[in-house]
């Protein structure tokens, strides 16, 4: 079902069903327009994840790792649907079978960026939602996005996680809104020479964000161990590959030799394991993702 076929709903601030998290913020939107499933049961366990539009390979790996555990722990993700980190957050949440909410800086009758047309439909089909405070046909304009960020931060019950952010990134605006809303801000540290880590490192350095290196830093005692969660669903081949990668990172060919399988079968299995968040690839080698 294409996103254009989904009903556009409007709800006012003073009406029943308006997101409770959003009602509590300073200067909440007077009304919101949305498609899909937007209710407090979803938002009661949710986290906002934002970052640079110029996402690096490191940023992608971080997003995939964190989102995998959020979905495992049934925590919905919230982001801004833009290029880079935002898109990766929505995509991976959907791939891992989770619920994600996209907050638009334009009307929800316009898919912006246009490259995310299929993603728009997938978000709705998987039980998520797309929302905006702007009327359905309102065009995307630069001034709308900083204002939109108060909603991106405000919807979350857990806080805001920033993966990568430049010195003047819009993610820092989202962080500022979160702080003013009394919500926790988390940041993943990056290389000091990386331009897309200047913002996150700044937040950490000036104690505006908690430094996090693992999803359990955010979820705490609530976190379900990924190994326990997937153990019963792992195939015999996946178990063999996991045990092999516990020793050291390997290429597809090296894994095939180690487990005595064809490269084709290993490639198929590794692809599925990547979607489950069990392995990640860096510089041509696969690494076992550990909690």
Protein backbone atom coordinates (compact mmCIF):
# COMPACT_ATOMS: atom_id res chain seq x y z
CA UNK A 1 0.00 0.00 0.00
CA UNK A 2 1.49 3.30 -1.10
CA UNK A 3 1.79 6.08 1.48
CA UNK A 4 -0.47 8.29 -0.64
CA UNK A 5 -3.34 5.88 0.02
CA UNK A 6 -3.10 6.32 3.80
CA UNK A 7 -5.58 8.67 5.44
CA UNK A 8 -4.31 12.04 6.64
CA UNK A 9 -5.50 12.71 10.18
CA UNK A 10 -5.51 15.99 12.08
CA UNK A 11 -5.60 16.37 15.84
CA UNK A 12 -5.57 19.54 17.92
CA UNK A 13 -3.55 20.17 21.06
CA UNK A 14 -6.59 20.15 23.33
CA UNK A 15 -8.13 17.01 21.83
CA UNK A 16 -7.99 13.52 23.24
CA UNK A 17 -5.32 11.46 21.52
CA UNK A 18 -2.80 14.27 21.09
CA UNK A 19 0.60 12.81 22.11
CA UNK A 20 1.09 13.30 25.85
CA UNK A 21 4.86 13.73 25.49
CA UNK A 22 4.27 16.58 23.07
CA UNK A 23 1.65 18.27 25.25
CA UNK A 24 4.22 18.69 28.00
CA UNK A 25 6.77 20.73 26.06
CA UNK A 26 7.02 24.50 25.94
CA UNK A 27 5.38 25.90 22.82
CA UNK A 28 3.75 22.67 21.61
CA UNK A 29 2.20 22.67 18.13
CA UNK A 30 -1.44 23.75 18.09
CA UNK A 31 -2.24 20.82 15.84
CA UNK A 32 -0.48 17.99 14.08
CA UNK A 33 -1.21 16.11 10.88
CA UNK A 34 -0.24 12.48 10.65
CA UNK A 35 -0.52 9.20 8.83
CA UNK A 36 -0.23 5.81 10.51
CA UNK A 37 -0.16 4.71 14.12
CA UNK A 38 0.54 7.56 16.52
CA UNK A 39 -0.47 6.86 20.11
CA UNK A 40 0.90 7.00 23.62
CA UNK A 41 1.40 3.24 23.83
CA UNK A 42 4.05 3.54 21.11
CA UNK A 43 5.58 6.74 22.43
CA UNK A 44 5.75 5.52 26.04
CA UNK A 45 8.94 3.62 25.10
CA UNK A 46 10.63 5.77 22.48
CA UNK A 47 13.91 7.50 21.76
CA UNK A 48 14.91 10.19 19.30
CA UNK A 49 18.00 9.43 17.22
CA UNK A 50 19.43 12.16 14.99
CA UNK A 51 22.72 13.11 13.40
CA UNK A 52 24.63 14.38 10.43
CA UNK A 53 23.26 14.39 6.89
CA UNK A 54 26.84 13.57 5.85
CA UNK A 55 26.89 10.26 7.69
CA UNK A 56 30.18 8.35 7.65
CA UNK A 57 30.74 4.60 7.63
CA UNK A 58 31.39 4.87 11.36
CA UNK A 59 28.10 6.69 11.84
CA UNK A 60 26.22 4.01 9.92
CA UNK A 61 27.74 1.26 12.05
CA UNK A 62 26.82 3.11 15.24
CA UNK A 63 23.23 3.66 14.10
CA UNK A 64 22.85 0.01 13.10
CA UNK A 65 24.22 -1.19 16.43
CA UNK A 66 22.05 1.07 18.58
CA UNK A 67 18.86 0.68 16.56
CA UNK A 68 19.21 -3.10 16.62
CA UNK A 69 19.12 -3.09 20.43
CA UNK A 70 16.35 -0.51 20.59
CA UNK A 71 14.16 -2.71 18.42
CA UNK A 72 15.09 -5.79 20.44
CA UNK A 73 13.91 -3.96 23.54
CA UNK A 74 10.74 -2.74 21.82
CA UNK A 75 11.76 0.91 21.94
CA UNK A 76 10.33 2.98 19.08
CA UNK A 77 12.67 5.36 17.26
CA UNK A 78 11.97 8.95 16.26
CA UNK A 79 13.91 10.94 13.68
CA UNK A 80 13.62 13.64 11.03
CA UNK A 81 13.46 11.70 7.74
CA UNK A 82 16.32 13.67 6.18
CA UNK A 83 19.47 12.39 4.49
CA UNK A 84 22.18 10.57 6.41
CA UNK A 85 21.61 9.47 9.98
CA UNK A 86 17.86 10.21 9.98
CA UNK A 87 17.21 7.98 6.99
CA UNK A 88 19.45 5.22 8.35
CA UNK A 89 17.55 5.27 11.66
CA UNK A 90 14.20 4.83 9.93
CA UNK A 91 15.50 2.22 7.48
CA UNK A 92 17.18 0.04 10.09
CA UNK A 93 14.24 0.24 12.47
CA UNK A 94 11.98 -1.03 9.71
CA UNK A 95 14.48 -3.72 8.65
CA UNK A 96 14.82 -4.99 12.21
CA UNK A 97 11.03 -5.13 12.57
CA UNK A 98 10.56 -2.12 14.82
CA UNK A 99 8.33 0.95 14.89
CA UNK A 100 9.64 4.36 13.84
CA UNK A 101 8.14 7.86 13.72
CA UNK A 102 9.25 10.37 11.09
CA UNK A 103 8.78 14.09 11.80
CA UNK A 104 8.54 16.17 8.63
CA UNK A 105 9.62 19.77 8.09
CA UNK A 106 6.96 20.06 5.39
CA UNK A 107 3.44 18.79 4.81
CA UNK A 108 2.95 15.02 4.87
CA UNK A 109 1.50 15.04 1.35
CA UNK A 110 5.04 15.78 0.18
CA UNK A 111 7.77 13.14 0.42
CA UNK A 112 10.99 15.04 1.06
CA UNK A 113 13.58 13.93 0.22
CA UNK A 114 12.00 12.20 -2.78
CA UNK A 115 14.52 9.37 -2.54
CA UNK A 116 12.68 8.19 0.58
CA UNK A 117 9.41 7.48 -1.22
CA UNK A 118 9.55 3.72 -0.60
CA UNK A 119 10.72 4.28 2.98
CA UNK A 120 7.66 6.47 3.64
CA UNK A 121 5.38 3.54 2.75
CA UNK A 122 7.46 1.02 4.70
CA UNK A 123 7.31 3.09 7.87
CA UNK A 124 3.52 3.08 7.76
CA UNK A 125 3.24 -0.59 6.82
CA UNK A 126 5.37 -1.56 9.82
CA UNK A 127 3.13 0.24 12.30
CA UNK A 128 4.93 3.56 12.45
CA UNK A 129 3.80 7.06 11.60
CA UNK A 130 4.71 10.24 9.75
CA UNK A 131 3.76 13.55 11.35
CA UNK A 132 4.03 17.30 10.83
CA UNK A 133 2.68 20.48 12.34
CA UNK A 134 2.45 21.97 8.86
CA UNK A 135 -0.64 21.56 6.62
CA UNK A 136 -0.48 18.56 4.25
CA UNK A 137 0.59 20.47 1.13
CA UNK A 138 3.05 22.81 2.87
CA UNK A 139 6.34 22.90 0.94
CA UNK A 140 9.73 22.20 2.57
CA UNK A 141 11.50 25.44 3.52
CA UNK A 142 14.72 25.91 5.47
CA UNK A 143 13.17 27.93 8.29
CA UNK A 144 10.73 25.14 9.13
CA UNK A 145 13.35 22.57 10.10
CA UNK A 146 14.85 24.19 13.21
CA UNK A 147 11.30 24.75 14.51
CA UNK A 148 10.41 21.17 13.61
CA UNK A 149 13.23 19.92 15.85
CA UNK A 150 11.36 20.78 19.05
CA UNK A 151 8.82 18.12 18.02
CA UNK A 152 11.56 15.63 17.14
CA UNK A 153 12.87 16.02 20.69
CA UNK A 154 9.49 16.42 22.36
CA UNK A 155 7.94 13.15 21.21
CA UNK A 156 10.58 11.01 22.91
CA UNK A 157 10.07 9.41 26.32
CA UNK A 158 13.72 8.39 26.81
CA UNK A 159 15.68 11.33 25.45
CA UNK A 160 17.74 12.24 22.40
CA UNK A 161 20.70 10.30 21.02
CA UNK A 162 23.06 12.13 18.67
CA UNK A 163 25.29 9.91 16.57
CA UNK A 164 27.26 12.37 14.44
CA UNK A 165 26.95 16.14 14.24
CA UNK A 166 28.98 18.91 12.70
CA UNK A 167 29.83 22.18 14.40
CA UNK A 168 26.63 23.85 13.18
CA UNK A 169 24.48 20.77 12.76
CA UNK A 170 20.72 20.93 13.14
CA UNK A 171 21.12 18.05 15.59
CA UNK A 172 22.58 20.54 18.07
CA UNK A 173 19.33 22.49 17.83
CA UNK A 174 17.46 19.29 18.64
CA UNK A 175 19.78 18.74 21.61
CA UNK A 176 19.13 22.27 22.83
CA UNK A 177 15.37 21.74 22.65
CA UNK A 178 15.73 18.47 24.55
CA UNK A 179 17.72 20.15 27.32
CA UNK A 180 15.12 22.91 27.64
CA UNK A 181 12.41 20.24 27.76
CA UNK A 182 14.20 18.56 30.66
CA UNK A 183 15.13 15.48 28.66
CA UNK A 184 18.42 13.62 28.63
CA UNK A 185 20.79 14.05 25.72
CA UNK A 186 23.20 11.27 24.76
CA UNK A 187 26.09 11.57 22.32
CA UNK A 188 28.39 9.03 20.72
CA UNK A 189 32.01 10.28 20.64
CA UNK A 190 33.85 10.46 17.35
CA UNK A 191 37.32 11.15 16.00
CA UNK A 192 38.61 14.58 17.00
CA UNK A 193 39.74 15.12 13.40
CA UNK A 194 36.31 14.37 11.94
CA UNK A 195 34.17 17.38 11.02
CA UNK A 196 30.98 15.41 11.60
CA UNK A 197 32.05 14.66 15.17
CA UNK A 198 32.79 18.24 16.24
CA UNK A 199 29.23 18.72 17.47
CA UNK A 200 28.93 15.48 19.42
CA UNK A 201 32.36 15.90 20.99
CA UNK A 202 31.45 19.47 21.94
CA UNK A 203 28.29 18.32 23.73
CA UNK A 204 30.24 15.72 25.67
CA UNK A 205 33.14 18.05 26.49
CA UNK A 206 30.82 20.72 27.88
CA UNK A 207 28.65 18.24 29.83
CA UNK A 208 25.59 18.91 27.72
CA UNK A 209 25.29 15.24 26.79
CA UNK A 210 26.03 11.89 28.38
CA UNK A 211 28.81 10.00 26.61
CA UNK A 212 27.50 6.63 25.40
CA UNK A 213 29.26 3.80 23.60
CA UNK A 214 26.62 1.10 23.88
CA UNK A 215 22.80 0.97 23.86
CA UNK A 216 22.86 -0.41 27.41
CA UNK A 217 24.25 2.96 28.54
CA UNK A 218 20.81 4.36 27.69
CA UNK A 219 18.54 1.41 28.37
CA UNK A 220 20.32 0.39 31.56
CA UNK A 221 18.81 -2.55 33.42
CA UNK A 222 15.94 -2.71 30.93
CA UNK A 223 18.19 -3.90 28.13
CA UNK A 224 17.63 -7.39 26.83
CA UNK A 225 20.84 -9.13 25.83
CA UNK A 226 20.90 -9.57 22.06
CA UNK A 227 22.51 -13.01 22.32
CA UNK A 228 19.71 -14.24 24.57
CA UNK A 229 17.07 -12.72 22.36
CA UNK A 230 18.31 -14.32 19.14
CA UNK A 231 19.75 -17.57 20.48
CA UNK A 232 16.64 -19.66 19.96
CA UNK A 233 16.21 -18.31 16.42
CA UNK A 234 19.77 -18.87 15.22
CA UNK A 235 20.36 -21.54 12.62
CA UNK A 236 23.17 -24.05 12.95
CA UNK A 237 25.10 -22.19 10.25
CA UNK A 238 24.68 -18.85 12.04
CA UNK A 239 25.96 -20.37 15.27
CA UNK A 240 29.05 -21.68 13.46
CA UNK A 241 29.75 -18.28 11.94
CA UNK A 242 29.30 -16.54 15.30
CA UNK A 243 31.79 -18.89 16.94
CA UNK A 244 34.24 -18.33 14.09
CA UNK A 245 34.01 -14.53 14.30
CA UNK A 246 34.51 -14.64 18.06
CA UNK A 247 38.13 -15.48 17.29
CA UNK A 248 38.79 -12.61 14.87
CA UNK A 249 37.18 -10.55 12.07
CA UNK A 250 37.19 -12.35 8.72
CA UNK A 251 36.37 -11.86 5.05
CA UNK A 252 33.59 -13.86 3.42
CA UNK A 253 36.14 -16.19 1.82
CA UNK A 254 37.88 -16.78 5.15
CA UNK A 255 34.58 -17.56 6.86
CA UNK A 256 33.66 -20.01 4.10
CA UNK A 257 36.92 -21.90 4.58
CA UNK A 258 36.59 -21.91 8.37
CA UNK A 259 33.03 -23.29 8.43
CA UNK A 260 33.50 -25.49 5.34
CA UNK A 261 30.75 -23.85 3.28
CA UNK A 262 30.44 -22.29 -0.15
CA UNK A 263 31.05 -18.55 -0.46
CA UNK A 264 27.53 -18.14 -1.88
CA UNK A 265 25.90 -19.75 1.17
CA UNK A 266 28.07 -17.76 3.56
CA UNK A 267 27.22 -14.52 1.76
CA UNK A 268 23.48 -15.21 2.06
CA UNK A 269 23.78 -16.12 5.74
CA UNK A 270 25.98 -13.13 6.56
CA UNK A 271 23.43 -10.81 4.92
CA UNK A 272 20.69 -12.14 7.20
CA UNK A 273 22.96 -11.88 10.24
CA UNK A 274 23.69 -8.25 9.36
CA UNK A 275 19.95 -7.49 9.33
CA UNK A 276 19.64 -9.12 12.75
CA UNK A 277 22.42 -6.91 14.06
CA UNK A 278 24.69 -9.87 14.81
CA UNK A 279 27.55 -8.84 12.54
CA UNK A 280 28.87 -5.67 10.98
CA UNK A 281 31.33 -5.07 8.14
CA UNK A 282 34.37 -2.80 8.21
CA UNK A 283 37.18 -2.64 5.64
CA UNK A 284 36.05 -5.85 3.94
CA UNK A 285 35.92 -7.95 7.09
CA UNK A 286 32.97 -9.03 9.18
CA UNK A 287 32.98 -8.43 12.92
CA UNK A 288 30.79 -10.09 15.52
CA UNK A 289 28.73 -7.40 17.26
CA UNK A 290 29.12 -7.86 20.98
CA UNK A 291 27.00 -6.40 23.78
